[in-house]
Every structure is written in C-alpha cells, then in structure tokens.
Amino acid sequence: MHIREFQRLIGELYLDRDVKRGREKTMLWIVEEVGELAEAVRKNDVKAIGEEMADVLAWLVSLANLYGIDLEEEAKKKYPGYCVKCGKKPCECDDA
C-alpha cells in the first residue's frame, strides 16, 4: 500500500470524526501516540513499537487530511531519493 492509499483509507474511515475533533486536538493525539511509542522503545517491546508506529502514522495522515495535504507528495518533494544537502545516495554529510 502506498502512503496516498493509506491516507485515503484513514480518511474514509475517520475523516468525519477528525473534522469534529479538529486540527489542534488531532495534533494532541499524535503527541500522545509518540509518547506511547517512546515508552515502547524504552521497554524495547518490539511488538508494541510496531503497533505504536502504525498509530503515529494513522494520526499523522489524519492531520494531513484535515489540512488537505497529500503526504505522499510532500514526502517525495522533501526526500527525492538523495540527500538534499550533499546530493549523494547514501548521504555523505559530515553532520549527523
């Protein structure tokens, strides 16, 4: 599944609820899910890490839907297949 397809699916499932909740509260849900991901990483719970990553992704595309942003297109622009600083693949920049 491509990002755009996943974003469309999440929109079909949850857009009405997301609109009612609003952008700011949706952003708070992302933060909460990132906190749950951090906790799973701290515990080195690989199963929970995967589940929380999926939750973070779902909430992120929900927020993108609320702003009318095509997340797949934005990712392609930001990460075109090479490092935008040094122009190399893989990146050869000195800074981490």
Protein backbone atom coordinates (compact mmCIF):
# COMPACT_ATOMS: atom_id res chain seq x y z
CA MET A 1 0.00 0.00 0.00
CA HIS A 2 1.28 3.47 -0.88
CA ILE A 3 1.11 6.38 1.57
CA ARG A 4 -1.61 8.02 -0.54
CA GLU A 5 -3.74 4.86 -0.41
CA PHE A 6 -3.33 4.61 3.36
CA GLN A 7 -4.20 8.30 3.74
CA ARG A 8 -7.32 7.80 1.64
CA LEU A 9 -8.32 4.74 3.72
CA ILE A 10 -7.90 6.62 7.00
CA GLY A 11 -9.94 9.47 5.55
CA GLU A 12 -12.73 7.12 4.53
CA LEU A 13 -12.77 5.58 8.00
CA TYR A 14 -12.25 8.60 10.24
CA LEU A 15 -12.46 11.96 8.43
CA ASP A 16 -15.89 12.87 9.82
CA ARG A 17 -14.68 12.21 13.37
CA ASP A 18 -11.40 14.03 12.70
CA VAL A 19 -13.24 17.11 11.41
CA LYS A 20 -15.41 17.18 14.54
CA ARG A 21 -12.33 16.78 16.77
CA GLY A 22 -10.41 19.48 14.91
CA ARG A 23 -6.81 20.08 13.98
CA GLU A 24 -5.45 21.03 17.40
CA LYS A 25 -6.92 18.01 19.21
CA THR A 26 -5.79 15.72 16.41
CA MET A 27 -2.27 17.09 16.88
CA LEU A 28 -2.52 16.29 20.59
CA TRP A 29 -3.40 12.69 19.71
CA ILE A 30 -0.23 12.49 17.60
CA VAL A 31 1.81 13.70 20.56
CA GLU A 32 0.16 11.12 22.83
CA GLU A 33 0.92 8.34 20.36
CA VAL A 34 4.54 9.48 20.05
CA GLY A 35 4.74 9.27 23.85
CA GLU A 36 3.40 5.71 23.73
CA LEU A 37 5.97 4.89 21.04
CA ALA A 38 8.74 6.33 23.21
CA GLU A 39 7.59 4.16 26.11
CA ALA A 40 7.61 1.05 23.91
CA VAL A 41 11.12 1.90 22.69
CA ARG A 42 12.28 2.46 26.27
CA LYS A 43 10.96 -1.00 27.18
CA ASN A 44 12.39 -2.49 23.95
CA ASP A 45 8.95 -4.01 23.28
CA VAL A 46 9.23 -4.68 19.54
CA LYS A 47 5.59 -5.75 19.13
CA ALA A 48 4.36 -2.57 20.84
CA ILE A 49 6.85 -0.46 18.87
CA GLY A 50 5.31 -1.66 15.61
CA GLU A 51 1.78 -1.03 16.85
CA GLU A 52 2.63 2.46 18.08
CA MET A 53 4.42 3.32 14.83
CA ALA A 54 1.24 2.38 12.97
CA ASP A 55 -0.80 4.58 15.33
CA VAL A 56 1.56 7.54 14.83
CA LEU A 57 1.30 7.11 11.05
CA ALA A 58 -2.50 6.92 11.16
CA TRP A 59 -2.81 10.07 13.25
CA LEU A 60 -0.28 11.86 11.03
CA VAL A 61 -2.28 11.13 7.89
CA SER A 62 -5.45 12.17 9.73
CA LEU A 63 -3.87 15.57 10.38
CA ALA A 64 -2.72 15.76 6.76
CA ASN A 65 -6.31 15.08 5.68
CA LEU A 66 -7.56 17.92 7.85
CA TYR A 67 -5.13 20.29 6.13
CA GLY A 68 -5.73 18.89 2.63
CA ILE A 69 -2.08 17.83 2.36
CA ASP A 70 -1.06 14.90 0.16
CA LEU A 71 1.51 13.36 2.49
CA GLU A 72 2.98 11.09 -0.18
CA GLU A 73 3.62 14.05 -2.47
CA GLU A 74 5.18 16.07 0.36
CA ALA A 75 7.46 13.13 1.28
CA LYS A 76 8.60 12.79 -2.33
CA LYS A 77 9.41 16.51 -2.51
CA LYS A 78 11.27 16.52 0.82
CA TYR A 79 13.09 13.21 0.21
CA PRO A 80 13.64 12.92 -3.56
CA GLY A 81 15.85 9.83 -3.42
CA TYR A 82 19.12 11.50 -2.50
CA CYS A 83 20.37 13.76 0.28
CA VAL A 84 19.19 17.29 -0.47
CA LYS A 85 22.26 18.75 1.30
CA CYS A 86 25.12 16.82 -0.30
CA GLY A 87 23.26 15.37 -3.29
CA LYS A 88 24.55 11.86 -2.56
CA LYS A 89 22.90 8.48 -2.00
CA PRO A 90 23.67 7.42 0.65
CA CYS A 91 24.22 10.70 2.42
CA GLU A 92 27.84 11.72 2.91
CA CYS A 93 27.23 14.83 5.02
CA ASP A 94 29.58 15.30 7.97
CA ASP A 95 26.85 16.32 10.43
CA ALA A 96 24.59 13.67 11.88
